[in-house]
Amino acid sequence: MRVGFVIVSFNGGEDLANCVISLLKVSKKYNRKVIVVDNDSKDRSVEKIKKSNKVILILNNKNLGYAGAINKGIQKAVSLDCDYLVFLNQDTFFKNDFLTEIILGMESDRRVGVGSGLIVFTKNGKRLYDGGGKFNHFLGRGNHFHLSNKPSWKKMEVDYMAGCLMVLKREVVEKVGLFDEDYFLGYEDVDYCMKVKNKGYKRCVFSKSEIYHKGSTSLKLLSGDWIYYWTRNRLLFIKKNYCVTQLVVNMIGIISYSLYFSFMVFVKSPRRTRDLFGGYWDFLSLKAGERC
């Protein structure tokens, strides 16, 4: 079995090197290919891994966003005949073999097309576990399962899992295709999981697997770009994934949550309202991809 690990990097600083070094330590048992796709970083974060003969480095001459970069990694992994593809964020790190439990679970149930483990992170000084997410069709938004204690369940089916740990069978990639680059950054993982579901596969989280997530180093929460992409891409996701009936039935919820989110941005970060309305405007103007 050959496994292709794909890491998208962008100004990752020391996090990228820590991610790669810890990954190489815990994945020795696999016939592996570690692929790092860098989105034209300016901080020289790729210098530490350039000389490694254990890493395949793809250097983009501009920022292609998460979707564009992960697609390059997918194409490379498929060309290397990888049976499983593992997507990781640059700010994740690993203490133990996290992959075996996921693959065992996916092999025992052929209907599972995408797997993940628990994402351990710290918020407000508290240790939490991210166990994937459920998409609320009425409000038109995703909700992550943030657990204060390690769950008792071993396997749980979810609507989607975060792109910081996604394990895909090659057959799924061949049937579903590449990530949608219209999103550029944000909601592309939710969109992909919905496409996997439409092909008849399950998306499952396996609680015996754990990785550690420092937190976003490419886009800060409530930054101007975060608000812009979250606003635009949420509506873009609804447009791409809702049928007319779903749109009509859930319109009140979708509009209500949009108003609530807009109000919260105005209260918590009033100087970001321009980014908020820029997201709405660009969605209505049919502008996708990178923010202009």
C-alpha atoms as a PDB file:
ATOM      1  CA  MET A   1       0.000   0.000   0.000  1.00  0.00           C
ATOM      2  CA  ARG A   2       1.382   3.386  -1.012  1.00  0.00           C
ATOM      3  CA  VAL A   3       0.276   6.527   0.836  1.00  0.00           C
ATOM      4  CA  GLY A   4       0.587  10.064  -0.465  1.00  0.00           C
ATOM      5  CA  PHE A   5       0.714  12.777   2.194  1.00  0.00           C
ATOM      6  CA  VAL A   6      -0.151  16.209   0.772  1.00  0.00           C
ATOM      7  CA  ILE A   7       0.600  19.389   2.737  1.00  0.00           C
ATOM      8  CA  VAL A   8      -0.306  22.842   1.415  1.00  0.00           C
ATOM      9  CA  SER A   9       2.024  25.537   2.737  1.00  0.00           C
ATOM     10  CA  PHE A  10       1.897  29.321   2.762  1.00  0.00           C
ATOM     11  CA  ASN A  11       4.190  31.398   4.980  1.00  0.00           C
ATOM     12  CA  GLY A  12       4.182  28.591   7.508  1.00  0.00           C
ATOM     13  CA  GLY A  13       7.287  29.642   9.412  1.00  0.00           C
ATOM     14  CA  GLU A  14       8.577  26.956  11.784  1.00  0.00           C
ATOM     15  CA  ASP A  15       5.230  25.153  11.718  1.00  0.00           C
ATOM     16  CA  LEU A  16       5.866  23.650   8.293  1.00  0.00           C
ATOM     17  CA  ALA A  17       9.202  22.105   9.274  1.00  0.00           C
ATOM     18  CA  ASN A  18       7.725  20.798  12.537  1.00  0.00           C
ATOM     19  CA  CYS A  19       4.829  19.263  10.645  1.00  0.00           C
ATOM     20  CA  VAL A  20       7.070  17.485   8.130  1.00  0.00           C
ATOM     21  CA  ILE A  21       9.606  16.306  10.720  1.00  0.00           C
ATOM     22  CA  SER A  22       6.939  14.843  13.020  1.00  0.00           C
ATOM     23  CA  LEU A  23       5.134  13.262  10.062  1.00  0.00           C
ATOM     24  CA  LEU A  24       8.294  11.514   8.869  1.00  0.00           C
ATOM     25  CA  LYS A  25       8.812  10.103  12.364  1.00  0.00           C
ATOM     26  CA  VAL A  26       5.334   8.597  12.764  1.00  0.00           C
ATOM     27  CA  SER A  27       4.819   7.295   9.219  1.00  0.00           C
ATOM     28  CA  LYS A  28       7.928   5.120   8.743  1.00  0.00           C
ATOM     29  CA  LYS A  29       5.905   1.910   8.390  1.00  0.00           C
ATOM     30  CA  TYR A  30       4.286   3.119   5.168  1.00  0.00           C
ATOM     31  CA  ASN A  31       5.483   3.160   1.596  1.00  0.00           C
ATOM     32  CA  ARG A  32       5.001   6.902   1.605  1.00  0.00           C
ATOM     33  CA  LYS A  33       5.330   9.942  -0.569  1.00  0.00           C
ATOM     34  CA  VAL A  34       5.353  13.261   1.279  1.00  0.00           C
ATOM     35  CA  ILE A  35       4.312  16.079  -1.055  1.00  0.00           C
ATOM     36  CA  VAL A  36       4.510  19.728  -0.005  1.00  0.00           C
ATOM     37  CA  VAL A  37       2.808  22.242  -2.305  1.00  0.00           C
ATOM     38  CA  ASP A  38       3.929  25.780  -1.507  1.00  0.00           C
ATOM     39  CA  ASN A  39       1.808  28.773  -2.493  1.00  0.00           C
ATOM     40  CA  ASP A  40       4.644  31.204  -3.212  1.00  0.00           C
ATOM     41  CA  SER A  41       5.637  31.764   0.423  1.00  0.00           C
ATOM     42  CA  LYS A  42       7.727  34.838   1.190  1.00  0.00           C
ATOM     43  CA  ASP A  43       9.038  33.800   4.606  1.00  0.00           C
ATOM     44  CA  ARG A  44      11.564  31.168   3.451  1.00  0.00           C
ATOM     45  CA  SER A  45       9.627  28.493   5.365  1.00  0.00           C
ATOM     46  CA  VAL A  46      10.359  25.906   2.668  1.00  0.00           C
ATOM     47  CA  GLU A  47      14.146  26.312   2.962  1.00  0.00           C
ATOM     48  CA  LYS A  48      14.406  23.747   5.765  1.00  0.00           C
ATOM     49  CA  ILE A  49      12.758  21.017   3.713  1.00  0.00           C
ATOM     50  CA  LYS A  50      14.244  21.793   0.310  1.00  0.00           C
ATOM     51  CA  LYS A  51      17.279  19.567   0.821  1.00  0.00           C
ATOM     52  CA  SER A  52      15.336  16.578   2.141  1.00  0.00           C
ATOM     53  CA  ASN A  53      15.244  13.608  -0.209  1.00  0.00           C
ATOM     54  CA  LYS A  54      12.150  12.383   1.630  1.00  0.00           C
ATOM     55  CA  VAL A  55       9.969  15.293   0.518  1.00  0.00           C
ATOM     56  CA  ILE A  56       8.625  16.152  -2.917  1.00  0.00           C
ATOM     57  CA  LEU A  57       8.394  19.941  -3.077  1.00  0.00           C
ATOM     58  CA  ILE A  58       6.134  21.683  -5.587  1.00  0.00           C
ATOM     59  CA  LEU A  59       6.721  25.449  -5.766  1.00  0.00           C
ATOM     60  CA  ASN A  60       3.902  27.550  -7.202  1.00  0.00           C
ATOM     61  CA  ASN A  61       4.859  30.896  -8.696  1.00  0.00           C
ATOM     62  CA  LYS A  62       1.746  32.484  -7.188  1.00  0.00           C
ATOM     63  CA  ASN A  63      -0.778  31.793  -4.448  1.00  0.00           C
ATOM     64  CA  LEU A  64      -3.314  29.334  -5.873  1.00  0.00           C
ATOM     65  CA  GLY A  65      -5.312  29.136  -2.661  1.00  0.00           C
ATOM     66  CA  TYR A  66      -5.930  25.915  -0.760  1.00  0.00           C
ATOM     67  CA  ALA A  67      -8.040  24.323  -3.481  1.00  0.00           C
ATOM     68  CA  GLY A  68      -5.618  25.055  -6.316  1.00  0.00           C
ATOM     69  CA  ALA A  69      -2.615  23.853  -4.324  1.00  0.00           C
ATOM     70  CA  ILE A  70      -4.265  20.689  -3.007  1.00  0.00           C
ATOM     71  CA  ASN A  71      -5.253  19.822  -6.572  1.00  0.00           C
ATOM     72  CA  LYS A  72      -1.609  19.905  -7.620  1.00  0.00           C
ATOM     73  CA  GLY A  73      -0.803  17.595  -4.729  1.00  0.00           C
ATOM     74  CA  ILE A  74      -3.629  15.240  -5.692  1.00  0.00           C
ATOM     75  CA  GLN A  75      -2.421  15.042  -9.280  1.00  0.00           C
ATOM     76  CA  LYS A  76       1.116  14.304  -8.135  1.00  0.00           C
ATOM     77  CA  ALA A  77       0.018  11.618  -5.669  1.00  0.00           C
ATOM     78  CA  VAL A  78      -2.172   9.918  -8.276  1.00  0.00           C
ATOM     79  CA  SER A  79       0.698   9.980 -10.788  1.00  0.00           C
ATOM     80  CA  LEU A  80       2.808   8.164  -8.161  1.00  0.00           C
ATOM     81  CA  ASP A  81       0.147   5.414  -7.873  1.00  0.00           C
ATOM     82  CA  CYS A  82      -0.779   6.177  -4.266  1.00  0.00           C
ATOM     83  CA  ASP A  83      -3.616   4.039  -2.915  1.00  0.00           C
ATOM     84  CA  TYR A  84      -4.522   6.517  -0.182  1.00  0.00           C
ATOM     85  CA  LEU A  85      -4.204  10.296  -0.144  1.00  0.00           C
ATOM     86  CA  VAL A  86      -3.814  12.138   3.177  1.00  0.00           C
ATOM     87  CA  PHE A  87      -4.372  15.903   3.309  1.00  0.00           C
ATOM     88  CA  LEU A  88      -2.761  17.786   6.199  1.00  0.00           C
ATOM     89  CA  ASN A  89      -2.452  21.420   7.250  1.00  0.00           C
ATOM     90  CA  GLN A  90       0.992  22.953   7.661  1.00  0.00           C
ATOM     91  CA  ASP A  91       0.310  23.730  11.328  1.00  0.00           C
ATOM     92  CA  THR A  92      -0.532  20.172  12.365  1.00  0.00           C
ATOM     93  CA  PHE A  93       1.909  17.905  14.204  1.00  0.00           C
ATOM     94  CA  PHE A  94       1.929  14.291  15.306  1.00  0.00           C
ATOM     95  CA  LYS A  95       3.032  12.333  18.362  1.00  0.00           C
ATOM     96  CA  ASN A  96       2.019   8.839  17.262  1.00  0.00           C
ATOM     97  CA  ASP A  97       0.924   6.891  14.209  1.00  0.00           C
ATOM     98  CA  PHE A  98      -2.455   8.442  13.462  1.00  0.00           C
ATOM     99  CA  LEU A  99      -3.093   6.814  10.102  1.00  0.00           C
ATOM    100  CA  THR A 100      -3.353   3.084  10.839  1.00  0.00           C
ATOM    101  CA  GLU A 101      -6.640   3.332  12.761  1.00  0.00           C
ATOM    102  CA  ILE A 102      -8.219   5.386   9.974  1.00  0.00           C
ATOM    103  CA  ILE A 103      -7.126   3.030   7.207  1.00  0.00           C
ATOM    104  CA  LEU A 104      -8.214  -0.036   9.195  1.00  0.00           C
ATOM    105  CA  GLY A 105     -11.619   1.540   9.652  1.00  0.00           C
ATOM    106  CA  MET A 106     -11.903   2.452   5.994  1.00  0.00           C
ATOM    107  CA  GLU A 107     -10.782  -0.992   4.860  1.00  0.00           C
ATOM    108  CA  SER A 108     -13.331  -2.697   7.140  1.00  0.00           C
ATOM    109  CA  ASP A 109     -16.176  -0.691   5.582  1.00  0.00           C
ATOM    110  CA  ARG A 110     -15.766  -0.205   1.853  1.00  0.00           C
ATOM    111  CA  ARG A 111     -18.542   2.388   1.856  1.00  0.00           C
ATOM    112  CA  VAL A 112     -16.327   4.844   3.761  1.00  0.00           C
ATOM    113  CA  GLY A 113     -14.720   7.094   1.164  1.00  0.00           C
ATOM    114  CA  VAL A 114     -13.227   9.777   3.401  1.00  0.00           C
ATOM    115  CA  GLY A 115     -11.857   9.261   6.899  1.00  0.00           C
ATOM    116  CA  SER A 116     -10.417  11.439   9.617  1.00  0.00           C
ATOM    117  CA  GLY A 117      -9.422  11.342  13.269  1.00  0.00           C
ATOM    118  CA  LEU A 118      -9.839  13.644  16.226  1.00  0.00           C
ATOM    119  CA  ILE A 119      -8.196  17.045  15.862  1.00  0.00           C
ATOM    120  CA  VAL A 120      -6.779  18.093  19.230  1.00  0.00           C
ATOM    121  CA  PHE A 121      -6.486  21.849  19.772  1.00  0.00           C
ATOM    122  CA  THR A 122      -6.593  24.468  22.504  1.00  0.00           C
ATOM    123  CA  LYS A 123      -9.175  27.242  22.758  1.00  0.00           C
ATOM    124  CA  ASN A 124      -9.253  29.764  25.612  1.00  0.00           C
ATOM    125  CA  GLY A 125      -6.834  27.547  27.520  1.00  0.00           C
ATOM    126  CA  LYS A 126      -9.037  24.465  27.198  1.00  0.00           C
ATOM    127  CA  ARG A 127      -8.116  21.251  25.414  1.00  0.00           C
ATOM    128  CA  LEU A 128     -10.784  20.360  22.842  1.00  0.00           C
ATOM    129  CA  TYR A 129     -11.381  17.645  20.265  1.00  0.00           C
ATOM    130  CA  ASP A 130     -12.740  18.391  16.803  1.00  0.00           C
ATOM    131  CA  GLY A 131     -14.756  15.409  15.576  1.00  0.00           C
ATOM    132  CA  GLY A 132     -15.848  16.593  12.149  1.00  0.00           C
ATOM    133  CA  GLY A 133     -19.008  18.519  11.426  1.00  0.00           C
ATOM    134  CA  LYS A 134     -22.683  18.547  10.575  1.00  0.00           C
ATOM    135  CA  PHE A 135     -24.097  20.833   7.896  1.00  0.00           C
ATOM    136  CA  ASN A 136     -27.211  22.743   8.897  1.00  0.00           C
ATOM    137  CA  HIS A 137     -29.184  23.066   5.661  1.00  0.00           C
ATOM    138  CA  PHE A 138     -31.750  25.413   7.198  1.00  0.00           C
ATOM    139  CA  LEU A 139     -29.152  27.998   8.221  1.00  0.00           C
ATOM    140  CA  GLY A 140     -26.817  27.185   5.360  1.00  0.00           C
ATOM    141  CA  ARG A 141     -23.714  26.705   7.482  1.00  0.00           C
ATOM    142  CA  GLY A 142     -21.515  23.995   8.945  1.00  0.00           C
ATOM    143  CA  ASN A 143     -21.179  23.212  12.651  1.00  0.00           C
ATOM    144  CA  HIS A 144     -18.064  21.504  13.979  1.00  0.00           C
ATOM    145  CA  PHE A 145     -18.339  19.001  16.818  1.00  0.00           C
ATOM    146  CA  HIS A 146     -16.023  20.523  19.452  1.00  0.00           C
ATOM    147  CA  LEU A 147     -15.838  18.058  22.343  1.00  0.00           C
ATOM    148  CA  SER A 148     -14.452  18.879  25.783  1.00  0.00           C
ATOM    149  CA  ASN A 149     -13.698  15.210  26.500  1.00  0.00           C
ATOM    150  CA  LYS A 150     -12.477  12.383  24.318  1.00  0.00           C
ATOM    151  CA  PRO A 151     -15.601  10.620  23.044  1.00  0.00           C
ATOM    152  CA  SER A 152     -16.607   7.057  23.908  1.00  0.00           C
ATOM    153  CA  TRP A 153     -17.606   6.243  20.341  1.00  0.00           C
ATOM    154  CA  LYS A 154     -15.010   4.648  18.049  1.00  0.00           C
ATOM    155  CA  LYS A 155     -16.504   5.654  14.727  1.00  0.00           C
ATOM    156  CA  MET A 156     -18.979   8.366  13.786  1.00  0.00           C
ATOM    157  CA  GLU A 157     -20.442   9.286  10.429  1.00  0.00           C
ATOM    158  CA  VAL A 158     -20.340  13.030   9.755  1.00  0.00           C
ATOM    159  CA  ASP A 159     -21.280  15.388   6.942  1.00  0.00           C
ATOM    160  CA  TYR A 160     -17.748  16.715   6.553  1.00  0.00           C
ATOM    161  CA  MET A 161     -14.348  16.944   8.179  1.00  0.00           C
ATOM    162  CA  ALA A 162     -11.828  19.760   8.189  1.00  0.00           C
ATOM    163  CA  GLY A 163      -9.156  19.787   5.503  1.00  0.00           C
ATOM    164  CA  CYS A 164      -6.426  19.697   8.144  1.00  0.00           C
ATOM    165  CA  LEU A 165      -6.880  15.880   8.191  1.00  0.00           C
ATOM    166  CA  MET A 166      -8.661  14.114   5.362  1.00  0.00           C
ATOM    167  CA  VAL A 167      -7.857  10.569   4.229  1.00  0.00           C
ATOM    168  CA  LEU A 168      -9.229   9.553   0.844  1.00  0.00           C
ATOM    169  CA  LYS A 169      -9.194   6.335  -1.105  1.00  0.00           C
ATOM    170  CA  ARG A 170      -7.811   6.740  -4.585  1.00  0.00           C
ATOM    171  CA  GLU A 171     -11.002   5.345  -6.090  1.00  0.00           C
ATOM    172  CA  VAL A 172     -12.922   8.203  -4.471  1.00  0.00           C
ATOM    173  CA  VAL A 173     -10.620  10.817  -5.976  1.00  0.00           C
ATOM    174  CA  GLU A 174     -10.976   9.185  -9.388  1.00  0.00           C
ATOM    175  CA  LYS A 175     -14.783   9.290  -9.142  1.00  0.00           C
ATOM    176  CA  VAL A 176     -15.230  12.689  -7.496  1.00  0.00           C
ATOM    177  CA  GLY A 177     -12.372  14.552  -9.153  1.00  0.00           C
ATOM    178  CA  LEU A 178     -10.479  17.592  -7.903  1.00  0.00           C
ATOM    179  CA  PHE A 179     -11.414  20.300  -5.418  1.00  0.00           C
ATOM    180  CA  ASP A 180     -13.453  23.235  -6.709  1.00  0.00           C
ATOM    181  CA  GLU A 181     -11.061  26.153  -7.194  1.00  0.00           C
ATOM    182  CA  ASP A 182     -13.904  28.696  -7.249  1.00  0.00           C
ATOM    183  CA  TYR A 183     -13.682  28.732  -3.439  1.00  0.00           C
ATOM    184  CA  PHE A 184      -9.943  29.545  -3.363  1.00  0.00           C
ATOM    185  CA  LEU A 185      -9.904  29.304   0.443  1.00  0.00           C
ATOM    186  CA  GLY A 186     -12.630  28.041   2.745  1.00  0.00           C
ATOM    187  CA  TYR A 187     -15.630  25.730   2.290  1.00  0.00           C
ATOM    188  CA  GLU A 188     -13.819  23.665  -0.357  1.00  0.00           C
ATOM    189  CA  ASP A 189     -13.489  20.801   2.134  1.00  0.00           C
ATOM    190  CA  VAL A 190     -17.223  20.896   2.958  1.00  0.00           C
ATOM    191  CA  ASP A 191     -18.046  21.038  -0.746  1.00  0.00           C
ATOM    192  CA  TYR A 192     -15.800  18.064  -1.500  1.00  0.00           C
ATOM    193  CA  CYS A 193     -17.350  15.967   1.260  1.00  0.00           C
ATOM    194  CA  MET A 194     -20.801  16.693  -0.152  1.00  0.00           C
ATOM    195  CA  LYS A 195     -19.640  15.477  -3.556  1.00  0.00           C
ATOM    196  CA  VAL A 196     -18.296  12.323  -1.916  1.00  0.00           C
ATOM    197  CA  LYS A 197     -21.702  11.779  -0.311  1.00  0.00           C
ATOM    198  CA  ASN A 198     -23.417  12.222  -3.679  1.00  0.00           C
ATOM    199  CA  LYS A 199     -21.258   9.404  -5.060  1.00  0.00           C
ATOM    200  CA  GLY A 200     -22.612   7.084  -2.373  1.00  0.00           C
ATOM    201  CA  TYR A 201     -19.700   7.111   0.091  1.00  0.00           C
ATOM    202  CA  LYS A 202     -19.727   7.744   3.835  1.00  0.00           C
ATOM    203  CA  ARG A 203     -17.509  10.234   5.672  1.00  0.00           C
ATOM    204  CA  CYS A 204     -16.371   8.937   9.054  1.00  0.00           C
ATOM    205  CA  VAL A 205     -14.237  10.058  11.997  1.00  0.00           C
ATOM    206  CA  PHE A 206     -12.306   7.419  13.958  1.00  0.00           C
ATOM    207  CA  SER A 207     -11.693   8.451  17.562  1.00  0.00           C
ATOM    208  CA  LYS A 208      -8.618   6.257  18.166  1.00  0.00           C
ATOM    209  CA  SER A 209      -6.717   8.472  15.743  1.00  0.00           C
ATOM    210  CA  GLU A 210      -5.459  11.857  16.954  1.00  0.00           C
ATOM    211  CA  ILE A 211      -3.433  14.696  15.506  1.00  0.00           C
ATOM    212  CA  TYR A 212      -2.600  18.087  16.972  1.00  0.00           C
ATOM    213  CA  HIS A 213      -3.562  21.389  15.365  1.00  0.00           C
ATOM    214  CA  LYS A 214      -1.912  24.629  16.346  1.00  0.00           C
ATOM    215  CA  GLY A 215      -4.431  26.829  14.554  1.00  0.00           C
ATOM    216  CA  SER A 216      -4.566  28.720  11.281  1.00  0.00           C
ATOM    217  CA  THR A 217      -1.266  30.302  10.270  1.00  0.00           C
ATOM    218  CA  SER A 218      -2.334  31.291   6.749  1.00  0.00           C
ATOM    219  CA  LEU A 219      -5.555  33.121   7.616  1.00  0.00           C
ATOM    220  CA  LYS A 220      -6.397  34.585  11.022  1.00  0.00           C
ATOM    221  CA  LEU A 221      -9.892  34.318  12.474  1.00  0.00           C
ATOM    222  CA  LEU A 222     -11.894  37.532  11.932  1.00  0.00           C
ATOM    223  CA  SER A 223      -9.232  38.973   9.651  1.00  0.00           C
ATOM    224  CA  GLY A 224     -10.532  40.863   6.642  1.00  0.00           C
ATOM    225  CA  ASP A 225      -9.812  38.003   4.266  1.00  0.00           C
ATOM    226  CA  TRP A 226     -11.319  35.422   6.620  1.00  0.00           C
ATOM    227  CA  ILE A 227     -14.600  37.374   6.800  1.00  0.00           C
ATOM    228  CA  TYR A 228     -14.622  37.955   3.047  1.00  0.00           C
ATOM    229  CA  TYR A 229     -14.042  34.332   2.047  1.00  0.00           C
ATOM    230  CA  TRP A 230     -16.326  32.902   4.733  1.00  0.00           C
ATOM    231  CA  THR A 231     -19.153  35.231   3.640  1.00  0.00           C
ATOM    232  CA  ARG A 232     -18.791  34.704  -0.090  1.00  0.00           C
ATOM    233  CA  ASN A 233     -17.975  30.995  -0.014  1.00  0.00           C
ATOM    234  CA  ARG A 234     -20.862  30.077   2.278  1.00  0.00           C
ATOM    235  CA  LEU A 235     -23.281  31.519  -0.277  1.00  0.00           C
ATOM    236  CA  LEU A 236     -21.297  29.970  -3.124  1.00  0.00           C
ATOM    237  CA  PHE A 237     -21.598  26.570  -1.434  1.00  0.00           C
ATOM    238  CA  ILE A 238     -25.367  27.005  -1.115  1.00  0.00           C
ATOM    239  CA  LYS A 239     -25.631  27.948  -4.772  1.00  0.00           C
ATOM    240  CA  LYS A 240     -23.609  24.939  -5.905  1.00  0.00           C
ATOM    241  CA  ASN A 241     -25.184  22.337  -3.603  1.00  0.00           C
ATOM    242  CA  TYR A 242     -28.829  23.278  -3.022  1.00  0.00           C
ATOM    243  CA  CYS A 243     -31.575  22.314  -5.430  1.00  0.00           C
ATOM    244  CA  VAL A 244     -34.384  24.836  -6.044  1.00  0.00           C
ATOM    245  CA  THR A 245     -36.660  23.132  -3.529  1.00  0.00           C
ATOM    246  CA  GLN A 246     -33.997  23.226  -0.799  1.00  0.00           C
ATOM    247  CA  LEU A 247     -33.317  26.869  -1.521  1.00  0.00           C
ATOM    248  CA  VAL A 248     -36.997  27.844  -1.256  1.00  0.00           C
ATOM    249  CA  VAL A 249     -37.674  25.770   1.878  1.00  0.00           C
ATOM    250  CA  ASN A 250     -34.587  27.053   3.725  1.00  0.00           C
ATOM    251  CA  MET A 251     -34.534  30.662   2.477  1.00  0.00           C
ATOM    252  CA  ILE A 252     -35.738  32.165   5.761  1.00  0.00           C
ATOM    253  CA  GLY A 253     -32.991  30.384   7.725  1.00  0.00           C
ATOM    254  CA  ILE A 254     -30.282  31.275   5.219  1.00  0.00           C
ATOM    255  CA  ILE A 255     -31.212  34.965   5.246  1.00  0.00           C
ATOM    256  CA  SER A 256     -31.634  35.004   9.048  1.00  0.00           C
ATOM    257  CA  TYR A 257     -28.177  33.572   9.637  1.00  0.00           C
ATOM    258  CA  SER A 258     -26.658  35.987   7.111  1.00  0.00           C
ATOM    259  CA  LEU A 259     -28.176  38.894   9.038  1.00  0.00           C
ATOM    260  CA  TYR A 260     -26.985  37.451  12.359  1.00  0.00           C
ATOM    261  CA  PHE A 261     -23.429  36.938  11.075  1.00  0.00           C
ATOM    262  CA  SER A 262     -23.372  40.457   9.612  1.00  0.00           C
ATOM    263  CA  PHE A 263     -24.534  41.904  12.931  1.00  0.00           C
ATOM    264  CA  MET A 264     -21.842  39.986  14.866  1.00  0.00           C
ATOM    265  CA  VAL A 265     -19.120  41.219  12.517  1.00  0.00           C
ATOM    266  CA  PHE A 266     -20.344  44.804  12.969  1.00  0.00           C
ATOM    267  CA  VAL A 267     -20.329  44.429  16.770  1.00  0.00           C
ATOM    268  CA  LYS A 268     -17.036  42.552  17.174  1.00  0.00           C
ATOM    269  CA  SER A 269     -15.028  44.020  14.322  1.00  0.00           C
ATOM    270  CA  PRO A 270     -16.767  47.054  12.782  1.00  0.00           C
ATOM    271  CA  ARG A 271     -13.758  47.943  10.648  1.00  0.00           C
ATOM    272  CA  ARG A 272     -14.265  44.633   8.806  1.00  0.00           C
ATOM    273  CA  THR A 273     -17.759  45.469   7.496  1.00  0.00           C
ATOM    274  CA  ARG A 274     -16.193  46.474   4.195  1.00  0.00           C
ATOM    275  CA  ASP A 275     -14.798  42.941   3.838  1.00  0.00           C
ATOM    276  CA  LEU A 276     -18.174  41.499   4.799  1.00  0.00           C
ATOM    277  CA  PHE A 277     -20.118  43.424   2.197  1.00  0.00           C
ATOM    278  CA  GLY A 278     -17.346  42.814  -0.318  1.00  0.00           C
ATOM    279  CA  GLY A 279     -18.055  39.112   0.083  1.00  0.00           C
ATOM    280  CA  TYR A 280     -21.768  39.641  -0.487  1.00  0.00           C
ATOM    281  CA  TRP A 281     -21.126  41.893  -3.476  1.00  0.00           C
ATOM    282  CA  ASP A 282     -18.683  39.542  -5.166  1.00  0.00           C
ATOM    283  CA  PHE A 283     -21.079  36.627  -4.715  1.00  0.00           C
ATOM    284  CA  LEU A 284     -23.876  38.624  -6.344  1.00  0.00           C
ATOM    285  CA  SER A 285     -21.427  39.721  -9.063  1.00  0.00           C
ATOM    286  CA  LEU A 286     -20.565  36.048  -9.736  1.00  0.00           C
ATOM    287  CA  LYS A 287     -16.914  36.589  -8.808  1.00  0.00           C
ATOM    288  CA  ALA A 288     -15.137  33.438  -7.662  1.00  0.00           C
ATOM    289  CA  GLY A 289     -11.538  32.379  -7.006  1.00  0.00           C
ATOM    290  CA  GLU A 290      -9.020  34.698  -5.395  1.00  0.00           C
ATOM    291  CA  ARG A 291     -10.175  37.974  -3.930  1.00  0.00           C
ATOM    292  CA  CYS A 292      -9.351  40.896  -6.191  1.00  0.00           C
END
